[in-house]
Amino acid sequence: MTVLQVCALGLVLLSGTTVAVARSPLRQTLLLSLNGCALTVLFFAFQAADVALSELVVSGVALPLIIVATLRRLADQSAAQDAGDGEREPER
């Protein structure tokens, strides 16, 4: 193993731990995106460029975008229920 590979493994270990320890869902999303970037570096270090590019797109861009959109929608629904709009029957 090279020094770059060992450093990349350490970075993934550290970033994965911070994702698990974070309490706020929004902060977890940001840290998950950074963890995806760390995994991208790890995959490049192990010469798996195709996997690294896929990881960058999915974990660095798509997944955080989906999670943030979901958190936003949940916050809007919660605010609407607190304002009294939650008395209607939910749509099916």
Foldseek 3Di string as FASTA:
>chain_A
DDPQLVVLVVQLVVLVVVLVPDDDLLVNLVSQLVSLLSVLSNCVVVVNNVVSVVSNCVRNPPVSVVSVVVVVVVVVVVVCVVVPVPPDDDDD
